[in-house]
Amino acid sequence: MARDVNDQLTKYLTDAHSIEEQALQQLRRAPAIAGDPAIAKAFEDHRAETQMHERTVRELLHARGATPNVVKDVAMRAGGVGFLLFARLQPDSTGKLLAHAHSYEALEFAAYELLARAADLVSDESVAEAARRIAGQEHAMQERLAGLFDAAVDASLRELDDDARRGRILKYLSDAHAIEAQAIQLLERGPKLADDERLAQAYEEHLAETRDQQELVEARLHELGGRTNALKDAALRLGALNWGLFFAAHPDTPGKLAAFAYAFEHLEIAAYELLKRTAARAGDEQTVGVAETILEQERAAASRIELLFDRAAAASLEAVGAR
């Protein structure tokens, strides 16, 4: 048993190292496209922390006689570059960048929380302590980014006239509809992949909420004379399907799925925070109300998943035979 859990713990450490490699790739370039000095400084400050995180994880691997997974690290670095290029090409690059970073910090927080729980099972105090310390720093960075939503909206709207600002609301609503389409696709598969009754129930409950959220967004979009983007919806649904296949291909699916679902909730939270602030600046109180209603549900869903991290970690270890 101990050998199996230790092997899985080493694998989790290589996963964490790859996540840090992607984070570093993004943090080296993000300040240049942040569009706001406070946001740029937050990224610059966190880069130093992230360098320490990468070094800590690498040292923990070496202490176990292991090394980082070079192929996985290279792939994750490439993914980081790809997203930054995507953000740079968006008309609201500051908002897209901040939303992604907010979600990525949530992913890192979840990954280290799950790592700490695996370390507890084999009484590896050095890994458990490091994982909880890093998780705390990732959560603090996420909170700093959440405090910059207003700055992101100001930067995105700075050079737009009133008509263009109203157009930005339509774009955010269309984006939100596509994000909900991706969430529905993922949550439909989630219960079958959870390997835990309470996790499955959490995904099922939020699936019903998510369908209602998409209807709210679509109704508001139509009221404003806009329409959904079928191509964008289809692309994001395909992305969710690919993620579902990815989870199904990994034996430690419950933990990876919980971490990703938690991060996705924070991507949605960021998207609706940006929509709410953009609508408020245009005096669109009805859209503000829609965003606030959905935000309350997304935050509650994220909290439910976080409370189930213990079960997700246990289900993952059981799935790989590390009992």
C-alpha atoms as a PDB file:
ATOM      1  CA  MET A   1       0.000   0.000   0.000  1.00  0.00           C
ATOM      2  CA  ALA A   2       2.628   2.539   1.014  1.00  0.00           C
ATOM      3  CA  ARG A   3       4.593   1.925  -2.159  1.00  0.00           C
ATOM      4  CA  ASP A   4       1.517   2.485  -4.316  1.00  0.00           C
ATOM      5  CA  VAL A   5       0.520   5.700  -2.563  1.00  0.00           C
ATOM      6  CA  ASN A   6       4.100   6.947  -2.700  1.00  0.00           C
ATOM      7  CA  ASP A   7       4.230   6.278  -6.435  1.00  0.00           C
ATOM      8  CA  GLN A   8       1.036   8.245  -6.921  1.00  0.00           C
ATOM      9  CA  LEU A   9       2.368  11.044  -4.731  1.00  0.00           C
ATOM     10  CA  THR A  10       5.429  11.276  -6.962  1.00  0.00           C
ATOM     11  CA  LYS A  11       3.155  11.471  -9.998  1.00  0.00           C
ATOM     12  CA  TYR A  12       1.192  14.293  -8.381  1.00  0.00           C
ATOM     13  CA  LEU A  13       4.462  16.137  -7.799  1.00  0.00           C
ATOM     14  CA  THR A  14       5.381  15.839 -11.489  1.00  0.00           C
ATOM     15  CA  ASP A  15       1.909  17.173 -12.349  1.00  0.00           C
ATOM     16  CA  ALA A  16       2.452  20.100  -9.976  1.00  0.00           C
ATOM     17  CA  HIS A  17       5.841  20.844 -11.535  1.00  0.00           C
ATOM     18  CA  SER A  18       4.275  20.956 -15.013  1.00  0.00           C
ATOM     19  CA  ILE A  19       1.572  23.321 -13.762  1.00  0.00           C
ATOM     20  CA  GLU A  20       4.255  25.626 -12.375  1.00  0.00           C
ATOM     21  CA  GLU A  21       6.141  25.517 -15.683  1.00  0.00           C
ATOM     22  CA  GLN A  22       3.035  26.731 -17.491  1.00  0.00           C
ATOM     23  CA  ALA A  23       2.441  29.387 -14.852  1.00  0.00           C
ATOM     24  CA  LEU A  24       5.987  30.696 -15.246  1.00  0.00           C
ATOM     25  CA  GLN A  25       5.638  30.812 -19.018  1.00  0.00           C
ATOM     26  CA  GLN A  26       2.525  32.944 -18.633  1.00  0.00           C
ATOM     27  CA  LEU A  27       3.870  35.166 -15.873  1.00  0.00           C
ATOM     28  CA  ARG A  28       6.994  36.067 -17.865  1.00  0.00           C
ATOM     29  CA  ARG A  29       4.842  37.520 -20.647  1.00  0.00           C
ATOM     30  CA  ALA A  30       1.612  38.600 -18.956  1.00  0.00           C
ATOM     31  CA  PRO A  31       2.828  41.989 -17.616  1.00  0.00           C
ATOM     32  CA  ALA A  32       3.496  43.214 -21.163  1.00  0.00           C
ATOM     33  CA  ILE A  33      -0.129  42.686 -22.221  1.00  0.00           C
ATOM     34  CA  ALA A  34      -1.824  43.395 -18.873  1.00  0.00           C
ATOM     35  CA  GLY A  35      -3.073  46.828 -19.966  1.00  0.00           C
ATOM     36  CA  ASP A  36      -2.959  48.176 -16.413  1.00  0.00           C
ATOM     37  CA  PRO A  37       0.034  48.849 -14.120  1.00  0.00           C
ATOM     38  CA  ALA A  38      -1.576  47.307 -11.027  1.00  0.00           C
ATOM     39  CA  ILE A  39      -2.410  44.102 -12.904  1.00  0.00           C
ATOM     40  CA  ALA A  40       1.082  43.992 -14.411  1.00  0.00           C
ATOM     41  CA  LYS A  41       2.630  44.380 -10.943  1.00  0.00           C
ATOM     42  CA  ALA A  42       0.491  41.565  -9.533  1.00  0.00           C
ATOM     43  CA  PHE A  43       1.830  39.245 -12.235  1.00  0.00           C
ATOM     44  CA  GLU A  44       5.410  40.400 -11.717  1.00  0.00           C
ATOM     45  CA  ASP A  45       5.216  39.898  -7.949  1.00  0.00           C
ATOM     46  CA  HIS A  46       3.713  36.426  -8.312  1.00  0.00           C
ATOM     47  CA  ARG A  47       6.407  35.357 -10.755  1.00  0.00           C
ATOM     48  CA  ALA A  48       8.964  35.412  -7.921  1.00  0.00           C
ATOM     49  CA  GLU A  49       6.644  33.265  -5.787  1.00  0.00           C
ATOM     50  CA  THR A  50       6.083  30.876  -8.685  1.00  0.00           C
ATOM     51  CA  GLN A  51       9.810  30.471  -9.230  1.00  0.00           C
ATOM     52  CA  MET A  52      10.059  29.400  -5.586  1.00  0.00           C
ATOM     53  CA  HIS A  53       7.151  26.996  -6.069  1.00  0.00           C
ATOM     54  CA  GLU A  54       8.822  25.366  -9.063  1.00  0.00           C
ATOM     55  CA  ARG A  55      12.089  25.031  -7.172  1.00  0.00           C
ATOM     56  CA  THR A  56      10.346  23.578  -4.106  1.00  0.00           C
ATOM     57  CA  VAL A  57       8.496  20.931  -6.146  1.00  0.00           C
ATOM     58  CA  ARG A  58      11.665  20.020  -8.057  1.00  0.00           C
ATOM     59  CA  GLU A  59      13.544  19.564  -4.766  1.00  0.00           C
ATOM     60  CA  LEU A  60      10.736  17.390  -3.368  1.00  0.00           C
ATOM     61  CA  LEU A  61      10.947  15.211  -6.474  1.00  0.00           C
ATOM     62  CA  HIS A  62      14.714  14.894  -6.151  1.00  0.00           C
ATOM     63  CA  ALA A  63      14.310  13.890  -2.494  1.00  0.00           C
ATOM     64  CA  ARG A  64      12.165  11.005  -3.761  1.00  0.00           C
ATOM     65  CA  GLY A  65      14.726   9.972  -6.341  1.00  0.00           C
ATOM     66  CA  ALA A  66      12.563  11.345  -9.167  1.00  0.00           C
ATOM     67  CA  THR A  67      12.788  14.150 -11.714  1.00  0.00           C
ATOM     68  CA  PRO A  68      10.262  16.386 -13.478  1.00  0.00           C
ATOM     69  CA  ASN A  69       8.502  14.984 -16.531  1.00  0.00           C
ATOM     70  CA  VAL A  70      10.259  16.825 -19.379  1.00  0.00           C
ATOM     71  CA  VAL A  71       7.655  15.990 -22.035  1.00  0.00           C
ATOM     72  CA  LYS A  72       4.788  17.148 -19.827  1.00  0.00           C
ATOM     73  CA  ASP A  73       6.659  20.318 -18.845  1.00  0.00           C
ATOM     74  CA  VAL A  74       7.303  21.240 -22.489  1.00  0.00           C
ATOM     75  CA  ALA A  75       3.665  20.641 -23.402  1.00  0.00           C
ATOM     76  CA  MET A  76       2.441  22.812 -20.533  1.00  0.00           C
ATOM     77  CA  ARG A  77       4.855  25.625 -21.422  1.00  0.00           C
ATOM     78  CA  ALA A  78       3.539  25.547 -24.989  1.00  0.00           C
ATOM     79  CA  GLY A  79      -0.010  25.754 -23.674  1.00  0.00           C
ATOM     80  CA  GLY A  80       0.905  28.840 -21.689  1.00  0.00           C
ATOM     81  CA  VAL A  81       2.281  30.573 -24.765  1.00  0.00           C
ATOM     82  CA  GLY A  82      -0.804  29.621 -26.772  1.00  0.00           C
ATOM     83  CA  PHE A  83      -3.197  31.165 -24.283  1.00  0.00           C
ATOM     84  CA  LEU A  84      -1.257  34.422 -24.095  1.00  0.00           C
ATOM     85  CA  LEU A  85      -1.388  34.695 -27.879  1.00  0.00           C
ATOM     86  CA  PHE A  86      -5.148  34.117 -27.727  1.00  0.00           C
ATOM     87  CA  ALA A  87      -5.557  36.815 -25.052  1.00  0.00           C
ATOM     88  CA  ARG A  88      -3.430  39.297 -26.995  1.00  0.00           C
ATOM     89  CA  LEU A  89      -5.657  38.911 -30.059  1.00  0.00           C
ATOM     90  CA  GLN A  90      -8.882  39.611 -28.146  1.00  0.00           C
ATOM     91  CA  PRO A  91     -10.380  43.129 -28.120  1.00  0.00           C
ATOM     92  CA  ASP A  92     -10.699  42.830 -24.328  1.00  0.00           C
ATOM     93  CA  SER A  93      -7.291  41.211 -23.773  1.00  0.00           C
ATOM     94  CA  THR A  94      -6.966  42.620 -20.236  1.00  0.00           C
ATOM     95  CA  GLY A  95     -10.238  41.044 -19.144  1.00  0.00           C
ATOM     96  CA  LYS A  96      -9.510  37.714 -20.830  1.00  0.00           C
ATOM     97  CA  LEU A  97      -6.040  37.607 -19.296  1.00  0.00           C
ATOM     98  CA  LEU A  98      -7.301  38.365 -15.791  1.00  0.00           C
ATOM     99  CA  ALA A  99     -10.168  35.844 -16.020  1.00  0.00           C
ATOM    100  CA  HIS A 100      -7.802  33.092 -17.143  1.00  0.00           C
ATOM    101  CA  ALA A 101      -5.240  33.926 -14.455  1.00  0.00           C
ATOM    102  CA  HIS A 102      -7.945  33.923 -11.766  1.00  0.00           C
ATOM    103  CA  SER A 103      -9.044  30.463 -12.916  1.00  0.00           C
ATOM    104  CA  TYR A 104      -5.479  29.173 -13.193  1.00  0.00           C
ATOM    105  CA  GLU A 105      -4.718  30.180  -9.609  1.00  0.00           C
ATOM    106  CA  ALA A 106      -7.808  28.211  -8.564  1.00  0.00           C
ATOM    107  CA  LEU A 107      -6.481  25.196 -10.479  1.00  0.00           C
ATOM    108  CA  GLU A 108      -3.135  25.463  -8.717  1.00  0.00           C
ATOM    109  CA  PHE A 109      -4.806  25.860  -5.332  1.00  0.00           C
ATOM    110  CA  ALA A 110      -6.903  22.738  -5.931  1.00  0.00           C
ATOM    111  CA  ALA A 111      -3.929  20.730  -7.194  1.00  0.00           C
ATOM    112  CA  TYR A 112      -1.888  21.489  -4.075  1.00  0.00           C
ATOM    113  CA  GLU A 113      -4.814  20.840  -1.748  1.00  0.00           C
ATOM    114  CA  LEU A 114      -5.206  17.386  -3.303  1.00  0.00           C
ATOM    115  CA  LEU A 115      -1.435  16.820  -3.184  1.00  0.00           C
ATOM    116  CA  ALA A 116      -1.405  17.636   0.535  1.00  0.00           C
ATOM    117  CA  ARG A 117      -4.121  15.090   1.199  1.00  0.00           C
ATOM    118  CA  ALA A 118      -2.206  12.378  -0.645  1.00  0.00           C
ATOM    119  CA  ALA A 119       0.916  13.264   1.367  1.00  0.00           C
ATOM    120  CA  ASP A 120      -1.050  12.968   4.606  1.00  0.00           C
ATOM    121  CA  LEU A 121      -1.899   9.361   3.764  1.00  0.00           C
ATOM    122  CA  VAL A 122       1.769   8.342   3.723  1.00  0.00           C
ATOM    123  CA  SER A 123       2.766  10.739   6.529  1.00  0.00           C
ATOM    124  CA  ASP A 124       5.111  12.669   4.229  1.00  0.00           C
ATOM    125  CA  GLU A 125       5.202  15.837   6.276  1.00  0.00           C
ATOM    126  CA  SER A 126       7.641  17.656   3.984  1.00  0.00           C
ATOM    127  CA  VAL A 127       5.360  17.301   0.957  1.00  0.00           C
ATOM    128  CA  ALA A 128       2.197  18.019   2.953  1.00  0.00           C
ATOM    129  CA  GLU A 129       3.668  21.161   4.525  1.00  0.00           C
ATOM    130  CA  ALA A 130       5.038  22.470   1.225  1.00  0.00           C
ATOM    131  CA  ALA A 131       1.783  21.753  -0.600  1.00  0.00           C
ATOM    132  CA  ARG A 132      -0.301  23.614   1.978  1.00  0.00           C
ATOM    133  CA  ARG A 133       2.097  26.562   2.019  1.00  0.00           C
ATOM    134  CA  ILE A 134       2.011  26.864  -1.769  1.00  0.00           C
ATOM    135  CA  ALA A 135      -1.776  26.385  -1.838  1.00  0.00           C
ATOM    136  CA  GLY A 136      -2.085  29.333   0.547  1.00  0.00           C
ATOM    137  CA  GLN A 137       0.051  31.517  -1.700  1.00  0.00           C
ATOM    138  CA  GLU A 138      -1.910  30.529  -4.801  1.00  0.00           C
ATOM    139  CA  HIS A 139      -5.159  31.366  -3.022  1.00  0.00           C
ATOM    140  CA  ALA A 140      -3.750  34.729  -1.926  1.00  0.00           C
ATOM    141  CA  MET A 141      -2.808  35.502  -5.529  1.00  0.00           C
ATOM    142  CA  GLN A 142      -6.295  34.555  -6.654  1.00  0.00           C
ATOM    143  CA  GLU A 143      -7.712  37.005  -4.119  1.00  0.00           C
ATOM    144  CA  ARG A 144      -5.361  39.742  -5.356  1.00  0.00           C
ATOM    145  CA  LEU A 145      -6.556  39.161  -8.907  1.00  0.00           C
ATOM    146  CA  ALA A 146     -10.196  39.251  -7.793  1.00  0.00           C
ATOM    147  CA  GLY A 147      -9.488  42.698  -6.366  1.00  0.00           C
ATOM    148  CA  LEU A 148      -8.429  43.873  -9.833  1.00  0.00           C
ATOM    149  CA  PHE A 149     -11.647  43.184 -11.756  1.00  0.00           C
ATOM    150  CA  ASP A 150     -12.526  46.892 -11.708  1.00  0.00           C
ATOM    151  CA  ALA A 151      -9.091  47.812 -13.036  1.00  0.00           C
ATOM    152  CA  ALA A 152      -9.458  45.248 -15.832  1.00  0.00           C
ATOM    153  CA  VAL A 153     -12.843  46.614 -16.887  1.00  0.00           C
ATOM    154  CA  ASP A 154     -11.549  50.192 -16.809  1.00  0.00           C
ATOM    155  CA  ALA A 155      -8.611  49.212 -19.014  1.00  0.00           C
ATOM    156  CA  SER A 156     -10.841  47.311 -21.440  1.00  0.00           C
ATOM    157  CA  LEU A 157     -13.379  50.135 -21.758  1.00  0.00           C
ATOM    158  CA  ARG A 158     -10.967  53.068 -21.658  1.00  0.00           C
ATOM    159  CA  GLU A 159     -11.074  53.959 -25.353  1.00  0.00           C
ATOM    160  CA  LEU A 160     -14.634  52.828 -26.129  1.00  0.00           C
ATOM    161  CA  ASP A 161     -17.590  55.145 -26.743  1.00  0.00           C
ATOM    162  CA  ASP A 162     -21.065  54.400 -25.366  1.00  0.00           C
ATOM    163  CA  ASP A 163     -22.129  52.311 -28.355  1.00  0.00           C
ATOM    164  CA  ALA A 164     -18.959  50.238 -28.213  1.00  0.00           C
ATOM    165  CA  ARG A 165     -19.433  49.675 -24.490  1.00  0.00           C
ATOM    166  CA  ARG A 166     -22.930  48.359 -25.088  1.00  0.00           C
ATOM    167  CA  GLY A 167     -21.460  46.130 -27.776  1.00  0.00           C
ATOM    168  CA  ARG A 168     -18.994  44.793 -25.221  1.00  0.00           C
ATOM    169  CA  ILE A 169     -21.939  43.733 -23.026  1.00  0.00           C
ATOM    170  CA  LEU A 170     -23.342  41.725 -25.929  1.00  0.00           C
ATOM    171  CA  LYS A 171     -19.951  40.120 -26.495  1.00  0.00           C
ATOM    172  CA  TYR A 172     -19.602  39.179 -22.820  1.00  0.00           C
ATOM    173  CA  LEU A 173     -23.119  37.712 -22.818  1.00  0.00           C
ATOM    174  CA  SER A 174     -22.297  35.701 -25.942  1.00  0.00           C
ATOM    175  CA  ASP A 175     -19.067  34.514 -24.334  1.00  0.00           C
ATOM    176  CA  ALA A 176     -20.972  33.571 -21.165  1.00  0.00           C
ATOM    177  CA  HIS A 177     -23.468  31.538 -23.191  1.00  0.00           C
ATOM    178  CA  ALA A 178     -20.598  29.619 -24.796  1.00  0.00           C
ATOM    179  CA  ILE A 179     -18.917  29.048 -21.432  1.00  0.00           C
ATOM    180  CA  GLU A 180     -22.169  27.645 -20.053  1.00  0.00           C
ATOM    181  CA  ALA A 181     -22.390  25.348 -23.083  1.00  0.00           C
ATOM    182  CA  GLN A 182     -18.951  24.004 -22.183  1.00  0.00           C
ATOM    183  CA  ALA A 183     -19.922  23.646 -18.534  1.00  0.00           C
ATOM    184  CA  ILE A 184     -23.071  21.691 -19.451  1.00  0.00           C
ATOM    185  CA  GLN A 185     -21.085  19.322 -21.648  1.00  0.00           C
ATOM    186  CA  LEU A 186     -18.575  18.687 -18.881  1.00  0.00           C
ATOM    187  CA  LEU A 187     -21.130  18.358 -16.093  1.00  0.00           C
ATOM    188  CA  GLU A 188     -23.158  15.854 -18.109  1.00  0.00           C
ATOM    189  CA  ARG A 189     -20.123  13.559 -18.031  1.00  0.00           C
ATOM    190  CA  GLY A 190     -19.021  14.456 -14.514  1.00  0.00           C
ATOM    191  CA  PRO A 191     -21.277  12.127 -12.484  1.00  0.00           C
ATOM    192  CA  LYS A 192     -20.084   9.070 -14.441  1.00  0.00           C
ATOM    193  CA  LEU A 193     -16.441  10.002 -13.864  1.00  0.00           C
ATOM    194  CA  ALA A 194     -16.664  11.094 -10.218  1.00  0.00           C
ATOM    195  CA  ASP A 195     -16.311   7.638  -8.582  1.00  0.00           C
ATOM    196  CA  ASP A 196     -17.905   9.125  -5.477  1.00  0.00           C
ATOM    197  CA  GLU A 197     -21.601   9.489  -4.691  1.00  0.00           C
ATOM    198  CA  ARG A 198     -21.383  12.955  -3.162  1.00  0.00           C
ATOM    199  CA  LEU A 199     -19.168  14.323  -5.919  1.00  0.00           C
ATOM    200  CA  ALA A 200     -21.557  12.912  -8.507  1.00  0.00           C
ATOM    201  CA  GLN A 201     -24.469  14.561  -6.712  1.00  0.00           C
ATOM    202  CA  ALA A 202     -22.659  17.921  -6.644  1.00  0.00           C
ATOM    203  CA  TYR A 203     -22.077  17.775 -10.406  1.00  0.00           C
ATOM    204  CA  GLU A 204     -25.686  16.726 -11.077  1.00  0.00           C
ATOM    205  CA  GLU A 205     -27.079  19.555  -8.946  1.00  0.00           C
ATOM    206  CA  HIS A 206     -24.909  22.145 -10.630  1.00  0.00           C
ATOM    207  CA  LEU A 207     -25.808  20.802 -14.069  1.00  0.00           C
ATOM    208  CA  ALA A 208     -29.427  21.791 -13.453  1.00  0.00           C
ATOM    209  CA  GLU A 209     -28.314  25.240 -12.275  1.00  0.00           C
ATOM    210  CA  THR A 210     -26.048  25.637 -15.292  1.00  0.00           C
ATOM    211  CA  ARG A 211     -28.833  24.922 -17.757  1.00  0.00           C
ATOM    212  CA  ASP A 212     -30.935  27.606 -16.034  1.00  0.00           C
ATOM    213  CA  GLN A 213     -27.989  30.006 -16.166  1.00  0.00           C
ATOM    214  CA  GLN A 214     -27.564  29.519 -19.888  1.00  0.00           C
ATOM    215  CA  GLU A 215     -31.265  30.246 -20.402  1.00  0.00           C
ATOM    216  CA  LEU A 216     -30.967  33.444 -18.337  1.00  0.00           C
ATOM    217  CA  VAL A 217     -27.999  34.611 -20.389  1.00  0.00           C
ATOM    218  CA  GLU A 218     -29.683  33.762 -23.699  1.00  0.00           C
ATOM    219  CA  ALA A 219     -32.869  35.579 -22.711  1.00  0.00           C
ATOM    220  CA  ARG A 220     -30.966  38.717 -21.739  1.00  0.00           C
ATOM    221  CA  LEU A 221     -28.901  38.571 -24.908  1.00  0.00           C
ATOM    222  CA  HIS A 222     -32.070  38.435 -27.016  1.00  0.00           C
ATOM    223  CA  GLU A 223     -33.648  41.273 -25.032  1.00  0.00           C
ATOM    224  CA  LEU A 224     -30.674  43.447 -25.974  1.00  0.00           C
ATOM    225  CA  GLY A 225     -30.956  42.525 -29.642  1.00  0.00           C
ATOM    226  CA  GLY A 226     -28.001  40.169 -29.645  1.00  0.00           C
ATOM    227  CA  ARG A 227     -27.752  36.501 -30.449  1.00  0.00           C
ATOM    228  CA  THR A 228     -25.745  33.499 -29.410  1.00  0.00           C
ATOM    229  CA  ASN A 229     -22.660  32.462 -31.366  1.00  0.00           C
ATOM    230  CA  ALA A 230     -23.320  28.923 -32.587  1.00  0.00           C
ATOM    231  CA  LEU A 231     -19.724  28.453 -33.740  1.00  0.00           C
ATOM    232  CA  LYS A 232     -18.309  29.546 -30.385  1.00  0.00           C
ATOM    233  CA  ASP A 233     -20.805  27.377 -28.499  1.00  0.00           C
ATOM    234  CA  ALA A 234     -19.888  24.346 -30.606  1.00  0.00           C
ATOM    235  CA  ALA A 235     -16.158  24.954 -30.194  1.00  0.00           C
ATOM    236  CA  LEU A 236     -16.417  25.132 -26.417  1.00  0.00           C
ATOM    237  CA  ARG A 237     -18.673  22.070 -26.268  1.00  0.00           C
ATOM    238  CA  LEU A 238     -16.043  20.205 -28.272  1.00  0.00           C
ATOM    239  CA  GLY A 239     -13.423  21.423 -25.814  1.00  0.00           C
ATOM    240  CA  ALA A 240     -15.466  20.037 -22.942  1.00  0.00           C
ATOM    241  CA  LEU A 241     -15.835  16.720 -24.750  1.00  0.00           C
ATOM    242  CA  ASN A 242     -12.079  16.542 -25.203  1.00  0.00           C
ATOM    243  CA  TRP A 243     -11.597  17.260 -21.505  1.00  0.00           C
ATOM    244  CA  GLY A 244     -14.039  14.482 -20.708  1.00  0.00           C
ATOM    245  CA  LEU A 245     -12.010  12.060 -22.803  1.00  0.00           C
ATOM    246  CA  PHE A 246      -8.834  13.265 -21.089  1.00  0.00           C
ATOM    247  CA  PHE A 247     -10.304  12.572 -17.646  1.00  0.00           C
ATOM    248  CA  ALA A 248     -11.604   9.178 -18.709  1.00  0.00           C
ATOM    249  CA  ALA A 249      -8.114   8.218 -19.925  1.00  0.00           C
ATOM    250  CA  HIS A 250      -6.506   8.876 -16.530  1.00  0.00           C
ATOM    251  CA  PRO A 251      -6.960   6.431 -13.660  1.00  0.00           C
ATOM    252  CA  ASP A 252      -6.911   9.237 -11.062  1.00  0.00           C
ATOM    253  CA  THR A 253      -9.902  10.910 -12.698  1.00  0.00           C
ATOM    254  CA  PRO A 254     -11.860  11.991  -9.565  1.00  0.00           C
ATOM    255  CA  GLY A 255      -9.132  14.310  -8.308  1.00  0.00           C
ATOM    256  CA  LYS A 256      -8.290  15.786 -11.712  1.00  0.00           C
ATOM    257  CA  LEU A 257     -11.969  16.320 -12.455  1.00  0.00           C
ATOM    258  CA  ALA A 258     -12.597  18.028  -9.100  1.00  0.00           C
ATOM    259  CA  ALA A 259      -9.599  20.319  -9.559  1.00  0.00           C
ATOM    260  CA  PHE A 260     -10.650  21.243 -13.089  1.00  0.00           C
ATOM    261  CA  ALA A 261     -14.306  21.745 -12.119  1.00  0.00           C
ATOM    262  CA  TYR A 262     -13.225  24.004  -9.241  1.00  0.00           C
ATOM    263  CA  ALA A 263     -11.034  26.041 -11.592  1.00  0.00           C
ATOM    264  CA  PHE A 264     -13.794  26.222 -14.207  1.00  0.00           C
ATOM    265  CA  GLU A 265     -16.180  27.644 -11.627  1.00  0.00           C
ATOM    266  CA  HIS A 266     -13.666  30.412 -11.021  1.00  0.00           C
ATOM    267  CA  LEU A 267     -13.360  31.062 -14.743  1.00  0.00           C
ATOM    268  CA  GLU A 268     -17.126  31.548 -14.783  1.00  0.00           C
ATOM    269  CA  ILE A 269     -16.959  33.719 -11.662  1.00  0.00           C
ATOM    270  CA  ALA A 270     -14.393  35.961 -13.344  1.00  0.00           C
ATOM    271  CA  ALA A 271     -16.449  36.147 -16.545  1.00  0.00           C
ATOM    272  CA  TYR A 272     -19.579  37.231 -14.686  1.00  0.00           C
ATOM    273  CA  GLU A 273     -17.645  39.689 -12.504  1.00  0.00           C
ATOM    274  CA  LEU A 274     -16.401  41.370 -15.686  1.00  0.00           C
ATOM    275  CA  LEU A 275     -19.884  41.306 -17.238  1.00  0.00           C
ATOM    276  CA  LYS A 276     -21.438  42.798 -14.098  1.00  0.00           C
ATOM    277  CA  ARG A 277     -18.962  45.677 -13.968  1.00  0.00           C
ATOM    278  CA  THR A 278     -19.198  46.386 -17.682  1.00  0.00           C
ATOM    279  CA  ALA A 279     -22.998  46.456 -17.516  1.00  0.00           C
ATOM    280  CA  ALA A 280     -22.940  48.695 -14.435  1.00  0.00           C
ATOM    281  CA  ARG A 281     -20.781  51.261 -16.253  1.00  0.00           C
ATOM    282  CA  ALA A 282     -23.352  51.308 -19.065  1.00  0.00           C
ATOM    283  CA  GLY A 283     -26.292  51.673 -16.666  1.00  0.00           C
ATOM    284  CA  ASP A 284     -27.670  48.244 -17.631  1.00  0.00           C
ATOM    285  CA  GLU A 285     -29.103  47.176 -14.292  1.00  0.00           C
ATOM    286  CA  GLN A 286     -30.989  44.179 -15.712  1.00  0.00           C
ATOM    287  CA  THR A 287     -27.770  42.601 -16.957  1.00  0.00           C
ATOM    288  CA  VAL A 288     -26.147  43.417 -13.625  1.00  0.00           C
ATOM    289  CA  GLY A 289     -28.979  41.508 -11.936  1.00  0.00           C
ATOM    290  CA  VAL A 290     -28.516  38.473 -14.196  1.00  0.00           C
ATOM    291  CA  ALA A 291     -24.782  38.433 -13.495  1.00  0.00           C
ATOM    292  CA  GLU A 292     -25.287  38.732  -9.734  1.00  0.00           C
ATOM    293  CA  THR A 293     -27.821  35.884  -9.682  1.00  0.00           C
ATOM    294  CA  ILE A 294     -25.459  33.578 -11.552  1.00  0.00           C
ATOM    295  CA  LEU A 295     -22.419  34.677  -9.542  1.00  0.00           C
ATOM    296  CA  GLU A 296     -24.085  33.593  -6.315  1.00  0.00           C
ATOM    297  CA  GLN A 297     -24.688  30.129  -7.759  1.00  0.00           C
ATOM    298  CA  GLU A 298     -21.161  29.781  -9.205  1.00  0.00           C
ATOM    299  CA  ARG A 299     -19.560  30.725  -5.892  1.00  0.00           C
ATOM    300  CA  ALA A 300     -21.756  28.220  -4.062  1.00  0.00           C
ATOM    301  CA  ALA A 301     -20.840  25.487  -6.562  1.00  0.00           C
ATOM    302  CA  ALA A 302     -17.122  26.204  -6.144  1.00  0.00           C
ATOM    303  CA  SER A 303     -17.497  26.005  -2.367  1.00  0.00           C
ATOM    304  CA  ARG A 304     -19.314  22.664  -2.590  1.00  0.00           C
ATOM    305  CA  ILE A 305     -16.534  21.189  -4.725  1.00  0.00           C
ATOM    306  CA  GLU A 306     -13.832  22.499  -2.385  1.00  0.00           C
ATOM    307  CA  LEU A 307     -15.566  20.880   0.585  1.00  0.00           C
ATOM    308  CA  LEU A 308     -15.353  17.562  -1.263  1.00  0.00           C
ATOM    309  CA  PHE A 309     -11.591  17.643  -1.947  1.00  0.00           C
ATOM    310  CA  ASP A 310     -11.047  14.981   0.739  1.00  0.00           C
ATOM    311  CA  ARG A 311     -13.423  12.640  -1.043  1.00  0.00           C
ATOM    312  CA  ALA A 312     -11.922  13.433  -4.449  1.00  0.00           C
ATOM    313  CA  ALA A 313      -8.419  12.637  -3.200  1.00  0.00           C
ATOM    314  CA  ALA A 314      -9.558   9.376  -1.611  1.00  0.00           C
ATOM    315  CA  ALA A 315     -11.485   8.339  -4.733  1.00  0.00           C
ATOM    316  CA  SER A 316      -8.446   9.037  -6.934  1.00  0.00           C
ATOM    317  CA  LEU A 317      -6.149   6.933  -4.794  1.00  0.00           C
ATOM    318  CA  GLU A 318      -8.678   4.128  -4.707  1.00  0.00           C
ATOM    319  CA  ALA A 319      -9.040   4.297  -8.500  1.00  0.00           C
ATOM    320  CA  VAL A 320      -5.316   3.612  -8.952  1.00  0.00           C
ATOM    321  CA  GLY A 321      -5.305   0.864  -6.333  1.00  0.00           C
ATOM    322  CA  ALA A 322      -3.490   2.910  -3.668  1.00  0.00           C
ATOM    323  CA  ARG A 323      -5.650   2.063  -0.684  1.00  0.00           C
END
